Amino acid sequence: MFVLVEMVDTVRIPPWNFQRQLNDAISEELNKKLANKVVYNVGLCLCLFDITKLEDSYIFPGDGASHTKVHFRYVVFHPFLDEILVGKIKYCSQEGVHVTMGFFDDILIPPESLQQPAKFDEAEQVWVWEYETDEGAHDLYMDQGEEIRFRVTDEIFLDMSPTGPTAATPDTPKKEAPYTLIVRTQHALQCHITKV
């Protein structure tokens, strides 16, 4: 679920931070730049783990800041495929069950990946698993806030790099997440049981 990723970046330290230790100033700048950001094809950056190498610092003409090339390791949330995770149901919609892990909300369980047979209850706005037992059928509601186990089956990275100006359109497109996990439920679902 969490991995250490080796990265290299040039860090700019403004002149008012020159009185600080170089490692402390670089750590702060790296966390400002990367913490809680998605790096394309890497994952969700959480925090700096350590600095492995500092190269020479330079001050460029017209800029009083120092620029230092830094080699470092960063803690990143990037679960591997088929990993089983635990989260809480954030909400349900026609497109599936949306799950949160507290620090990461872009997890979707599409309808075809839910325990079958499943149906969407429009009135309650929840997905319902129709569970068959020897005693008869039970409806297990996937209520908001309930804990759920799920398996990662796919991940989607969207390149959010800026592009040139586009023609103005009356409809504003739905804002999409830069990193989304597509998952399916596991048998150990924990939901409320309501007898039919």
Protein backbone atom coordinates (compact mmCIF):
# COMPACT_ATOMS: atom_id res chain seq x y z
CA MET A 1 0.00 0.00 0.00
CA PHE A 2 2.80 2.43 0.87
CA VAL A 3 6.06 2.46 -1.09
CA LEU A 4 9.29 4.43 -0.95
CA VAL A 5 9.99 6.17 -4.24
CA GLU A 6 13.39 7.57 -5.13
CA MET A 7 13.13 11.02 -6.68
CA VAL A 8 15.42 13.82 -7.83
CA ASP A 9 14.43 17.48 -7.88
CA THR A 10 16.04 20.91 -7.81
CA VAL A 11 14.86 22.71 -4.69
CA ARG A 12 14.74 26.50 -4.48
CA ILE A 13 15.47 27.93 -1.02
CA PRO A 14 14.48 31.61 -0.66
CA PRO A 15 17.02 33.95 0.98
CA TRP A 16 14.96 34.43 4.16
CA ASN A 17 15.50 30.69 4.92
CA PHE A 18 19.31 30.84 4.67
CA GLN A 19 19.63 31.02 8.48
CA ARG A 20 18.04 27.53 8.76
CA GLN A 21 19.90 24.24 8.40
CA LEU A 22 19.97 23.27 4.71
CA ASN A 23 18.38 19.84 5.30
CA ASP A 24 15.50 21.38 7.28
CA ALA A 25 14.83 24.05 4.66
CA ILE A 26 14.94 21.48 1.83
CA SER A 27 12.65 19.09 3.74
CA GLU A 28 10.10 21.85 4.25
CA GLU A 29 10.20 22.90 0.58
CA LEU A 30 9.86 19.30 -0.66
CA ASN A 31 6.87 18.66 1.61
CA LYS A 32 5.25 21.95 0.48
CA LYS A 33 5.71 20.91 -3.13
CA LEU A 34 4.77 17.21 -2.99
CA ALA A 35 2.73 16.35 0.13
CA ASN A 36 -0.88 15.43 -0.70
CA LYS A 37 -0.19 15.67 -4.44
CA VAL A 38 -0.55 12.95 -7.07
CA VAL A 39 2.51 12.35 -9.22
CA TYR A 40 1.58 10.86 -12.59
CA ASN A 41 2.21 7.08 -12.72
CA VAL A 42 3.73 7.18 -9.20
CA GLY A 43 0.85 7.69 -6.74
CA LEU A 44 -0.29 9.97 -3.92
CA CYS A 45 2.72 11.54 -2.19
CA LEU A 46 2.42 11.62 1.59
CA CYS A 47 5.66 12.77 3.23
CA LEU A 48 9.42 12.95 2.87
CA PHE A 49 11.21 9.86 4.19
CA ASP A 50 14.82 10.96 3.87
CA ILE A 51 17.34 12.90 1.79
CA THR A 52 19.95 10.60 0.26
CA LYS A 53 22.20 13.08 -1.53
CA LEU A 54 22.68 16.84 -1.81
CA GLU A 55 24.55 18.25 -4.76
CA ASP A 56 26.11 21.72 -4.94
CA SER A 57 23.90 24.76 -4.42
CA TYR A 58 23.85 27.60 -6.95
CA ILE A 59 22.58 31.17 -6.94
CA PHE A 60 21.50 32.30 -10.39
CA PRO A 61 21.75 35.89 -11.69
CA GLY A 62 18.60 37.87 -10.95
CA ASP A 63 17.44 35.40 -8.26
CA GLY A 64 18.74 35.61 -4.70
CA ALA A 65 17.55 32.10 -3.85
CA SER A 66 19.78 29.03 -3.76
CA HIS A 67 19.02 26.10 -6.07
CA THR A 68 20.12 22.64 -4.91
CA LYS A 69 19.75 19.35 -6.76
CA VAL A 70 18.43 16.85 -4.19
CA HIS A 71 18.13 13.05 -4.30
CA PHE A 72 15.50 11.86 -1.82
CA ARG A 73 12.99 9.13 -0.96
CA TYR A 74 9.31 9.91 -0.55
CA VAL A 75 6.51 7.84 1.04
CA VAL A 76 3.82 7.27 -1.59
CA PHE A 77 0.39 5.62 -1.45
CA HIS A 78 0.33 3.25 -4.41
CA PRO A 79 -1.32 -0.10 -3.68
CA PHE A 80 -0.37 -2.99 -5.93
CA LEU A 81 -2.92 -4.83 -8.04
CA ASP A 82 -4.86 -7.53 -6.14
CA GLU A 83 -3.95 -5.98 -2.77
CA ILE A 84 -6.77 -6.18 -0.21
CA LEU A 85 -7.48 -2.94 1.66
CA VAL A 86 -10.00 -1.77 4.26
CA GLY A 87 -11.93 1.47 3.94
CA LYS A 88 -15.28 3.05 4.75
CA ILE A 89 -18.18 3.65 2.41
CA LYS A 90 -18.28 7.37 1.61
CA TYR A 91 -21.51 7.27 -0.42
CA CYS A 92 -23.34 5.20 -3.04
CA SER A 93 -24.51 6.25 -6.49
CA GLN A 94 -25.68 4.64 -9.71
CA GLU A 95 -22.04 4.37 -10.85
CA GLY A 96 -21.13 2.26 -7.79
CA VAL A 97 -19.93 2.41 -4.20
CA HIS A 98 -17.46 5.22 -3.40
CA VAL A 99 -14.98 4.31 -0.66
CA THR A 100 -12.63 6.41 1.47
CA MET A 101 -9.55 5.46 3.43
CA GLY A 102 -9.52 8.77 5.32
CA PHE A 103 -6.54 10.21 3.45
CA PHE A 104 -7.62 8.97 -0.02
CA ASP A 105 -11.19 9.25 -1.33
CA ASP A 106 -11.00 8.32 -5.02
CA ILE A 107 -11.89 4.63 -4.74
CA LEU A 108 -14.78 3.25 -6.78
CA ILE A 109 -16.44 -0.17 -6.69
CA PRO A 110 -18.41 -0.39 -9.96
CA PRO A 111 -21.75 -2.28 -9.90
CA GLU A 112 -20.38 -5.28 -11.80
CA SER A 113 -17.69 -5.74 -9.13
CA LEU A 114 -20.11 -5.85 -6.18
CA GLN A 115 -21.23 -9.11 -4.57
CA GLN A 116 -24.00 -10.48 -6.78
CA PRO A 117 -26.96 -10.25 -6.91
CA ALA A 118 -26.84 -6.55 -6.07
CA LYS A 119 -29.26 -3.72 -6.80
CA PHE A 120 -29.33 0.03 -6.24
CA ASP A 121 -32.09 1.23 -3.92
CA GLU A 122 -33.16 4.63 -5.30
CA ALA A 123 -35.14 5.60 -2.19
CA GLU A 124 -32.29 4.90 0.25
CA GLN A 125 -29.48 5.78 -2.22
CA VAL A 126 -27.56 2.64 -1.24
CA TRP A 127 -26.47 -0.56 -2.92
CA VAL A 128 -28.08 -3.73 -1.56
CA TRP A 129 -26.59 -7.22 -1.71
CA GLU A 130 -29.37 -9.82 -1.80
CA TYR A 131 -27.75 -12.55 0.29
CA GLU A 132 -29.26 -16.05 0.13
CA THR A 133 -29.15 -18.33 3.20
CA ASP A 134 -30.90 -21.53 4.30
CA GLU A 135 -33.34 -19.34 6.26
CA GLY A 136 -34.21 -17.24 3.20
CA ALA A 137 -33.01 -14.08 1.54
CA HIS A 138 -31.45 -11.18 3.46
CA ASP A 139 -30.73 -7.68 2.22
CA LEU A 140 -27.32 -6.35 3.21
CA TYR A 141 -27.29 -2.57 2.84
CA MET A 142 -24.02 -0.88 2.03
CA ASP A 143 -24.59 2.12 4.29
CA GLN A 144 -22.46 5.25 4.46
CA GLY A 145 -19.72 4.98 7.09
CA GLU A 146 -19.66 1.17 7.14
CA GLU A 147 -16.29 -0.57 6.96
CA ILE A 148 -15.65 -2.57 3.80
CA ARG A 149 -12.85 -4.80 2.50
CA PHE A 150 -11.96 -4.50 -1.16
CA ARG A 151 -9.40 -5.75 -3.68
CA VAL A 152 -7.59 -3.36 -6.04
CA THR A 153 -8.26 -4.46 -9.64
CA ASP A 154 -7.16 -1.41 -11.63
CA GLU A 155 -5.84 2.11 -11.31
CA ILE A 156 -6.38 5.15 -13.49
CA PHE A 157 -3.94 8.05 -13.75
CA LEU A 158 -5.09 11.18 -15.58
CA ASP A 159 -2.48 13.59 -16.85
CA MET A 160 -3.49 16.88 -15.24
CA SER A 161 -0.75 18.92 -16.92
CA PRO A 162 -1.88 22.34 -18.09
CA THR A 163 -2.90 22.58 -21.72
CA GLY A 164 -3.45 25.50 -24.01
CA PRO A 165 -6.63 27.57 -24.00
CA THR A 166 -9.77 25.79 -25.07
CA ALA A 167 -12.90 27.12 -26.69
CA ALA A 168 -15.45 28.24 -24.12
CA THR A 169 -18.27 25.74 -23.67
CA PRO A 170 -21.51 26.36 -21.83
CA ASP A 171 -21.22 23.08 -19.92
CA THR A 172 -18.37 22.78 -17.47
CA PRO A 173 -17.11 19.19 -17.53
CA LYS A 174 -17.10 17.16 -14.33
CA LYS A 175 -13.76 17.55 -12.55
CA GLU A 176 -12.02 14.20 -12.53
CA ALA A 177 -9.54 12.90 -9.98
CA PRO A 178 -5.90 12.57 -11.09
CA TYR A 179 -5.62 9.11 -9.47
CA THR A 180 -8.49 6.65 -9.04
CA LEU A 181 -8.54 3.06 -7.80
CA ILE A 182 -11.04 0.64 -9.31
CA VAL A 183 -11.78 -2.19 -6.88
CA ARG A 184 -14.11 -5.10 -6.21
CA THR A 185 -15.59 -6.20 -2.92
CA GLN A 186 -14.37 -9.12 -0.87
CA HIS A 187 -16.62 -11.73 0.78
CA ALA A 188 -16.00 -10.27 4.24
CA LEU A 189 -18.39 -7.37 3.73
CA GLN A 190 -19.54 -5.79 6.96
CA CYS A 191 -22.97 -4.26 6.45
CA HIS A 192 -26.27 -4.00 8.31
CA ILE A 193 -28.50 -7.06 7.85
CA THR A 194 -32.21 -6.40 7.46
CA LYS A 195 -34.53 -9.38 7.12
CA VAL A 196 -37.02 -9.22 4.26
